[in-house]
Amino acid sequence: MVDWDVYLVTQASLSAGQTTADIVADAIDGGVGVVQLREKDRTARERYELGRELRELTREAGVAFVVNDRVDIAQALDADGVHLGDDDLPVPVARELLGDDALIGRSVSTVADAEAAAAAGADYLGVGAVFATGSKDDIADDEYAIGTDRVAAIAEAVDIPFVGIGGVTAENATEVVEAGADGVAVITEITQADDPAAAAEALKHAVERGQ
């Protein structure tokens, strides 16, 4: 059973001086239930080497571990699954490669895309960007913020779990969950925190208030 409350997406370039492994270890202590290896600016080899550390940490803690985009790296790490975007392999192809037990996620921002991903066999969704975010370097901050009304519409449309991502903080996580999300996904709210464990704990409390 996956704990969707707080989902951490790693990105060393958006971290405040600590190693990704240290951040993940602290965040798990604070209550993170899913860790996604992102690291888009790293080579496949670098992602694999970091992923080996994170796979060990998550396995020991009983926390779900997924790899962003790369089905091959997910296979190599014996990850729990993969998280796919518009430019990645289709969900059914990833399912065929990774098997029935794999956790396959899909990034969506519209009701139609959410319905299509669910119909294709996705196990969960990442929905966003809910609020303005600076984590996607190629996207203007406010241009693609979908807001909590869209979150609510997606909650009405699909039965699979989903997390709201994009500009989520401990201050606004509650409203994301109140709108219908099962949890929240963050990068910088944890990776740039002085105390990642405390940041994760604050997010978890905010999510629990929304539930």
C-alpha atoms as a PDB file:
ATOM      1  CA  MET A   1       0.000   0.000   0.000  1.00  0.00           C
ATOM      2  CA  VAL A   2       1.532   3.287  -1.124  1.00  0.00           C
ATOM      3  CA  ASP A   3       1.405   6.327   1.170  1.00  0.00           C
ATOM      4  CA  TRP A   4       0.611   9.162  -1.251  1.00  0.00           C
ATOM      5  CA  ASP A   5       0.530  11.969   1.343  1.00  0.00           C
ATOM      6  CA  VAL A   6       3.954  13.468   0.558  1.00  0.00           C
ATOM      7  CA  TYR A   7       5.798  12.563  -2.655  1.00  0.00           C
ATOM      8  CA  LEU A   8       9.364  13.864  -3.022  1.00  0.00           C
ATOM      9  CA  VAL A   9      10.868  14.506  -6.458  1.00  0.00           C
ATOM     10  CA  THR A  10      14.669  14.767  -6.336  1.00  0.00           C
ATOM     11  CA  GLN A  11      16.687  17.376  -8.202  1.00  0.00           C
ATOM     12  CA  ALA A  12      20.218  18.091  -6.971  1.00  0.00           C
ATOM     13  CA  SER A  13      20.417  21.348  -8.938  1.00  0.00           C
ATOM     14  CA  LEU A  14      17.492  22.636  -6.850  1.00  0.00           C
ATOM     15  CA  SER A  15      18.950  21.551  -3.515  1.00  0.00           C
ATOM     16  CA  ALA A  16      20.464  23.786  -0.860  1.00  0.00           C
ATOM     17  CA  GLY A  17      23.907  22.323  -0.363  1.00  0.00           C
ATOM     18  CA  GLN A  18      23.009  18.879   0.981  1.00  0.00           C
ATOM     19  CA  THR A  19      23.455  15.687  -1.004  1.00  0.00           C
ATOM     20  CA  THR A  20      20.351  14.165  -2.535  1.00  0.00           C
ATOM     21  CA  ALA A  21      20.864  10.979  -0.511  1.00  0.00           C
ATOM     22  CA  ASP A  22      20.972  12.974   2.740  1.00  0.00           C
ATOM     23  CA  ILE A  23      17.864  14.940   1.759  1.00  0.00           C
ATOM     24  CA  VAL A  24      15.989  11.742   0.917  1.00  0.00           C
ATOM     25  CA  ALA A  25      17.012  10.063   4.172  1.00  0.00           C
ATOM     26  CA  ASP A  26      15.860  13.095   6.184  1.00  0.00           C
ATOM     27  CA  ALA A  27      12.648  13.439   4.181  1.00  0.00           C
ATOM     28  CA  ILE A  28      11.788   9.791   4.784  1.00  0.00           C
ATOM     29  CA  ASP A  29      12.275  10.423   8.504  1.00  0.00           C
ATOM     30  CA  GLY A  30       9.818  13.309   8.151  1.00  0.00           C
ATOM     31  CA  GLY A  31       7.120  11.159   6.582  1.00  0.00           C
ATOM     32  CA  VAL A  32       7.665  11.091   2.808  1.00  0.00           C
ATOM     33  CA  GLY A  33       5.922   8.048   1.329  1.00  0.00           C
ATOM     34  CA  VAL A  34       7.166   8.132  -2.278  1.00  0.00           C
ATOM     35  CA  VAL A  35      10.533   9.190  -3.730  1.00  0.00           C
ATOM     36  CA  GLN A  36      10.979   9.907  -7.426  1.00  0.00           C
ATOM     37  CA  LEU A  37      14.469  10.037  -8.944  1.00  0.00           C
ATOM     38  CA  ARG A  38      14.321  12.959 -11.375  1.00  0.00           C
ATOM     39  CA  GLU A  39      17.748  14.560 -11.974  1.00  0.00           C
ATOM     40  CA  LYS A  40      16.967  15.551 -15.563  1.00  0.00           C
ATOM     41  CA  ASP A  41      20.337  17.268 -16.022  1.00  0.00           C
ATOM     42  CA  ARG A  42      22.360  14.143 -15.142  1.00  0.00           C
ATOM     43  CA  THR A  43      23.608  11.417 -17.460  1.00  0.00           C
ATOM     44  CA  ALA A  44      22.009   7.987 -17.367  1.00  0.00           C
ATOM     45  CA  ARG A  45      25.088   6.646 -15.570  1.00  0.00           C
ATOM     46  CA  GLU A  46      24.931   9.388 -12.933  1.00  0.00           C
ATOM     47  CA  ARG A  47      21.220   8.810 -12.399  1.00  0.00           C
ATOM     48  CA  TYR A  48      21.836   5.091 -12.049  1.00  0.00           C
ATOM     49  CA  GLU A  49      24.606   5.555  -9.474  1.00  0.00           C
ATOM     50  CA  LEU A  50      22.502   7.962  -7.403  1.00  0.00           C
ATOM     51  CA  GLY A  51      19.499   5.716  -7.845  1.00  0.00           C
ATOM     52  CA  ARG A  52      21.354   2.797  -6.279  1.00  0.00           C
ATOM     53  CA  GLU A  53      21.749   4.819  -3.072  1.00  0.00           C
ATOM     54  CA  LEU A  54      18.125   5.929  -3.094  1.00  0.00           C
ATOM     55  CA  ARG A  55      16.832   2.436  -3.845  1.00  0.00           C
ATOM     56  CA  GLU A  56      18.649   1.156  -0.755  1.00  0.00           C
ATOM     57  CA  LEU A  57      17.284   3.952   1.445  1.00  0.00           C
ATOM     58  CA  THR A  58      13.709   3.563   0.226  1.00  0.00           C
ATOM     59  CA  ARG A  59      13.734  -0.219   0.410  1.00  0.00           C
ATOM     60  CA  GLU A  60      14.941  -0.163   4.025  1.00  0.00           C
ATOM     61  CA  ALA A  61      12.216   2.347   4.919  1.00  0.00           C
ATOM     62  CA  GLY A  62       9.398   0.653   3.009  1.00  0.00           C
ATOM     63  CA  VAL A  63       8.935   3.761   0.865  1.00  0.00           C
ATOM     64  CA  ALA A  64       7.924   3.553  -2.808  1.00  0.00           C
ATOM     65  CA  PHE A  65      10.700   4.419  -5.266  1.00  0.00           C
ATOM     66  CA  VAL A  66      10.030   5.450  -8.869  1.00  0.00           C
ATOM     67  CA  VAL A  67      12.215   6.768 -11.674  1.00  0.00           C
ATOM     68  CA  ASN A  68      11.229   9.765 -13.776  1.00  0.00           C
ATOM     69  CA  ASP A  69      10.947   9.124 -17.531  1.00  0.00           C
ATOM     70  CA  ARG A  70      13.442   6.279 -17.887  1.00  0.00           C
ATOM     71  CA  VAL A  71      12.009   2.766 -17.947  1.00  0.00           C
ATOM     72  CA  ASP A  72      15.492   1.318 -18.534  1.00  0.00           C
ATOM     73  CA  ILE A  73      16.906   2.941 -15.392  1.00  0.00           C
ATOM     74  CA  ALA A  74      13.856   1.821 -13.406  1.00  0.00           C
ATOM     75  CA  GLN A  75      14.531  -1.744 -14.575  1.00  0.00           C
ATOM     76  CA  ALA A  76      18.243  -1.525 -13.785  1.00  0.00           C
ATOM     77  CA  LEU A  77      17.545  -0.283 -10.248  1.00  0.00           C
ATOM     78  CA  ASP A  78      14.697  -2.700  -9.555  1.00  0.00           C
ATOM     79  CA  ALA A  79      12.622   0.380  -8.790  1.00  0.00           C
ATOM     80  CA  ASP A  80       8.984   0.058  -7.810  1.00  0.00           C
ATOM     81  CA  GLY A  81       8.021   1.843 -10.986  1.00  0.00           C
ATOM     82  CA  VAL A  82       8.349   4.764 -13.365  1.00  0.00           C
ATOM     83  CA  HIS A  83       6.745   8.177 -13.808  1.00  0.00           C
ATOM     84  CA  LEU A  84       6.010   9.159 -17.405  1.00  0.00           C
ATOM     85  CA  GLY A  85       5.419  12.448 -19.194  1.00  0.00           C
ATOM     86  CA  ASP A  86       4.085  13.381 -22.631  1.00  0.00           C
ATOM     87  CA  ASP A  87       7.409  12.663 -24.355  1.00  0.00           C
ATOM     88  CA  ASP A  88       8.072   9.307 -22.707  1.00  0.00           C
ATOM     89  CA  LEU A  89       6.995   5.766 -23.551  1.00  0.00           C
ATOM     90  CA  PRO A  90       3.228   5.172 -23.519  1.00  0.00           C
ATOM     91  CA  VAL A  91       1.813   3.665 -20.327  1.00  0.00           C
ATOM     92  CA  PRO A  92       0.950   0.279 -21.935  1.00  0.00           C
ATOM     93  CA  VAL A  93       4.497  -0.106 -23.282  1.00  0.00           C
ATOM     94  CA  ALA A  94       6.000   0.675 -19.874  1.00  0.00           C
ATOM     95  CA  ARG A  95       3.586  -1.831 -18.352  1.00  0.00           C
ATOM     96  CA  GLU A  96       4.694  -4.516 -20.788  1.00  0.00           C
ATOM     97  CA  LEU A  97       8.355  -3.865 -19.977  1.00  0.00           C
ATOM     98  CA  LEU A  98       8.027  -3.514 -16.208  1.00  0.00           C
ATOM     99  CA  GLY A  99       5.252  -5.984 -15.479  1.00  0.00           C
ATOM    100  CA  ASP A 100       1.883  -6.003 -13.775  1.00  0.00           C
ATOM    101  CA  ASP A 101       3.245  -5.198 -10.312  1.00  0.00           C
ATOM    102  CA  ALA A 102       5.101  -2.031 -11.361  1.00  0.00           C
ATOM    103  CA  LEU A 103       3.842   1.359 -10.229  1.00  0.00           C
ATOM    104  CA  ILE A 104       3.307   3.452 -13.344  1.00  0.00           C
ATOM    105  CA  GLY A 105       2.539   7.136 -12.992  1.00  0.00           C
ATOM    106  CA  ARG A 106       1.628   9.732 -15.575  1.00  0.00           C
ATOM    107  CA  SER A 107       1.902  13.539 -15.549  1.00  0.00           C
ATOM    108  CA  VAL A 108      -1.314  15.272 -16.642  1.00  0.00           C
ATOM    109  CA  SER A 109      -2.841  18.728 -16.485  1.00  0.00           C
ATOM    110  CA  THR A 110      -6.294  18.278 -18.030  1.00  0.00           C
ATOM    111  CA  VAL A 111      -9.328  16.135 -17.319  1.00  0.00           C
ATOM    112  CA  ALA A 112      -9.086  14.535 -20.765  1.00  0.00           C
ATOM    113  CA  ASP A 113      -5.452  13.561 -20.234  1.00  0.00           C
ATOM    114  CA  ALA A 114      -6.250  12.206 -16.760  1.00  0.00           C
ATOM    115  CA  GLU A 115      -9.055  10.047 -18.163  1.00  0.00           C
ATOM    116  CA  ALA A 116      -6.828   8.826 -20.996  1.00  0.00           C
ATOM    117  CA  ALA A 117      -3.988   7.934 -18.619  1.00  0.00           C
ATOM    118  CA  ALA A 118      -6.341   6.031 -16.320  1.00  0.00           C
ATOM    119  CA  ALA A 119      -7.840   4.182 -19.284  1.00  0.00           C
ATOM    120  CA  ALA A 120      -4.325   3.299 -20.500  1.00  0.00           C
ATOM    121  CA  GLY A 121      -3.589   1.616 -17.183  1.00  0.00           C
ATOM    122  CA  ALA A 122      -1.712   4.218 -15.161  1.00  0.00           C
ATOM    123  CA  ASP A 123      -1.667   3.430 -11.440  1.00  0.00           C
ATOM    124  CA  TYR A 124      -1.487   7.062 -10.335  1.00  0.00           C
ATOM    125  CA  LEU A 125      -1.224  10.597 -11.696  1.00  0.00           C
ATOM    126  CA  GLY A 126       0.871  13.667 -11.051  1.00  0.00           C
ATOM    127  CA  VAL A 127      -1.476  16.607 -11.635  1.00  0.00           C
ATOM    128  CA  GLY A 128      -0.197  20.117 -12.216  1.00  0.00           C
ATOM    129  CA  ALA A 129       1.262  22.546 -12.127  1.00  0.00           C
ATOM    130  CA  VAL A 130      -1.354  23.423  -9.515  1.00  0.00           C
ATOM    131  CA  PHE A 131       0.289  26.720  -8.609  1.00  0.00           C
ATOM    132  CA  ALA A 132       3.036  28.851 -10.132  1.00  0.00           C
ATOM    133  CA  THR A 133       6.343  27.016  -9.970  1.00  0.00           C
ATOM    134  CA  GLY A 134       9.958  27.785 -10.701  1.00  0.00           C
ATOM    135  CA  SER A 135      11.072  24.152 -10.937  1.00  0.00           C
ATOM    136  CA  LYS A 136      10.480  23.753 -14.660  1.00  0.00           C
ATOM    137  CA  ASP A 137      13.059  26.062 -16.181  1.00  0.00           C
ATOM    138  CA  ASP A 138      11.381  26.172 -19.581  1.00  0.00           C
ATOM    139  CA  ILE A 139       7.914  27.151 -18.358  1.00  0.00           C
ATOM    140  CA  ALA A 140       6.848  30.642 -17.417  1.00  0.00           C
ATOM    141  CA  ASP A 141       5.771  30.707 -13.801  1.00  0.00           C
ATOM    142  CA  ASP A 142       2.061  31.409 -14.143  1.00  0.00           C
ATOM    143  CA  GLU A 143       1.344  30.260 -17.682  1.00  0.00           C
ATOM    144  CA  TYR A 144       0.417  26.688 -16.871  1.00  0.00           C
ATOM    145  CA  ALA A 145      -0.891  26.916 -13.298  1.00  0.00           C
ATOM    146  CA  ILE A 146      -4.140  24.916 -13.379  1.00  0.00           C
ATOM    147  CA  GLY A 147      -5.500  25.809  -9.936  1.00  0.00           C
ATOM    148  CA  THR A 148      -7.510  23.753  -7.466  1.00  0.00           C
ATOM    149  CA  ASP A 149     -10.708  23.848  -9.541  1.00  0.00           C
ATOM    150  CA  ARG A 150      -8.961  21.654 -12.128  1.00  0.00           C
ATOM    151  CA  VAL A 151      -7.752  19.379  -9.343  1.00  0.00           C
ATOM    152  CA  ALA A 152     -11.366  18.965  -8.234  1.00  0.00           C
ATOM    153  CA  ALA A 153     -12.513  18.234 -11.788  1.00  0.00           C
ATOM    154  CA  ILE A 154      -9.860  15.533 -12.186  1.00  0.00           C
ATOM    155  CA  ALA A 155     -10.844  14.038  -8.830  1.00  0.00           C
ATOM    156  CA  GLU A 156     -14.395  13.737 -10.146  1.00  0.00           C
ATOM    157  CA  ALA A 157     -13.245  12.169 -13.419  1.00  0.00           C
ATOM    158  CA  VAL A 158     -10.853   9.401 -12.317  1.00  0.00           C
ATOM    159  CA  ASP A 159     -10.736   6.738  -9.633  1.00  0.00           C
ATOM    160  CA  ILE A 160      -6.962   6.242  -9.428  1.00  0.00           C
ATOM    161  CA  PRO A 161      -4.820   8.076  -6.839  1.00  0.00           C
ATOM    162  CA  PHE A 162      -3.153  11.337  -7.767  1.00  0.00           C
ATOM    163  CA  VAL A 163      -0.845  13.906  -6.250  1.00  0.00           C
ATOM    164  CA  GLY A 164      -0.931  17.626  -6.915  1.00  0.00           C
ATOM    165  CA  ILE A 165       2.411  19.070  -7.981  1.00  0.00           C
ATOM    166  CA  GLY A 166       3.702  22.534  -8.841  1.00  0.00           C
ATOM    167  CA  GLY A 167       4.249  25.351  -6.387  1.00  0.00           C
ATOM    168  CA  VAL A 168       2.989  23.263  -3.476  1.00  0.00           C
ATOM    169  CA  THR A 169       4.044  24.379   0.016  1.00  0.00           C
ATOM    170  CA  ALA A 170       3.054  23.550   3.570  1.00  0.00           C
ATOM    171  CA  GLU A 171       0.846  26.663   3.400  1.00  0.00           C
ATOM    172  CA  ASN A 172      -1.239  25.564   0.394  1.00  0.00           C
ATOM    173  CA  ALA A 173      -1.036  21.738   0.515  1.00  0.00           C
ATOM    174  CA  THR A 174      -4.232  21.502   2.549  1.00  0.00           C
ATOM    175  CA  GLU A 175      -6.324  23.147  -0.171  1.00  0.00           C
ATOM    176  CA  VAL A 176      -4.876  20.821  -2.836  1.00  0.00           C
ATOM    177  CA  VAL A 177      -6.025  17.788  -0.841  1.00  0.00           C
ATOM    178  CA  GLU A 178      -9.366  19.393   0.036  1.00  0.00           C
ATOM    179  CA  ALA A 179      -9.905  19.772  -3.719  1.00  0.00           C
ATOM    180  CA  GLY A 180      -9.542  16.010  -4.145  1.00  0.00           C
ATOM    181  CA  ALA A 181      -5.863  15.108  -4.466  1.00  0.00           C
ATOM    182  CA  ASP A 182      -4.627  12.102  -2.473  1.00  0.00           C
ATOM    183  CA  GLY A 183      -1.398  13.902  -1.607  1.00  0.00           C
ATOM    184  CA  VAL A 184       1.137  16.439  -2.810  1.00  0.00           C
ATOM    185  CA  ALA A 185       4.405  16.177  -4.710  1.00  0.00           C
ATOM    186  CA  VAL A 186       7.212  18.665  -4.176  1.00  0.00           C
ATOM    187  CA  ILE A 187      10.787  19.394  -5.115  1.00  0.00           C
ATOM    188  CA  THR A 188      12.079  22.612  -3.583  1.00  0.00           C
ATOM    189  CA  GLU A 189       9.774  22.723  -0.552  1.00  0.00           C
ATOM    190  CA  ILE A 190      11.910  19.843   0.762  1.00  0.00           C
ATOM    191  CA  THR A 191      15.164  19.981  -1.230  1.00  0.00           C
ATOM    192  CA  GLN A 192      15.848  23.633  -0.368  1.00  0.00           C
ATOM    193  CA  ALA A 193      14.745  23.399   3.252  1.00  0.00           C
ATOM    194  CA  ASP A 194      17.302  23.825   6.023  1.00  0.00           C
ATOM    195  CA  ASP A 195      15.663  20.838   7.699  1.00  0.00           C
ATOM    196  CA  PRO A 196      14.175  18.444   5.093  1.00  0.00           C
ATOM    197  CA  ALA A 197      12.682  16.206   7.793  1.00  0.00           C
ATOM    198  CA  ALA A 198      10.795  19.119   9.340  1.00  0.00           C
ATOM    199  CA  ALA A 199       9.688  20.309   5.889  1.00  0.00           C
ATOM    200  CA  ALA A 200       8.329  16.845   5.059  1.00  0.00           C
ATOM    201  CA  GLU A 201       6.582  16.653   8.414  1.00  0.00           C
ATOM    202  CA  ALA A 202       4.951  20.059   7.902  1.00  0.00           C
ATOM    203  CA  LEU A 203       3.673  18.952   4.483  1.00  0.00           C
ATOM    204  CA  LYS A 204       2.315  15.716   5.926  1.00  0.00           C
ATOM    205  CA  HIS A 205       0.431  17.594   8.635  1.00  0.00           C
ATOM    206  CA  ALA A 206      -0.996  19.958   5.997  1.00  0.00           C
ATOM    207  CA  VAL A 207      -2.138  17.003   3.893  1.00  0.00           C
ATOM    208  CA  GLU A 208      -3.735  15.320   6.913  1.00  0.00           C
ATOM    209  CA  ARG A 209      -5.688  18.516   7.629  1.00  0.00           C
ATOM    210  CA  GLY A 210      -7.026  18.405   4.085  1.00  0.00           C
ATOM    211  CA  GLN A 211      -8.102  14.804   4.453  1.00  0.00           C
END
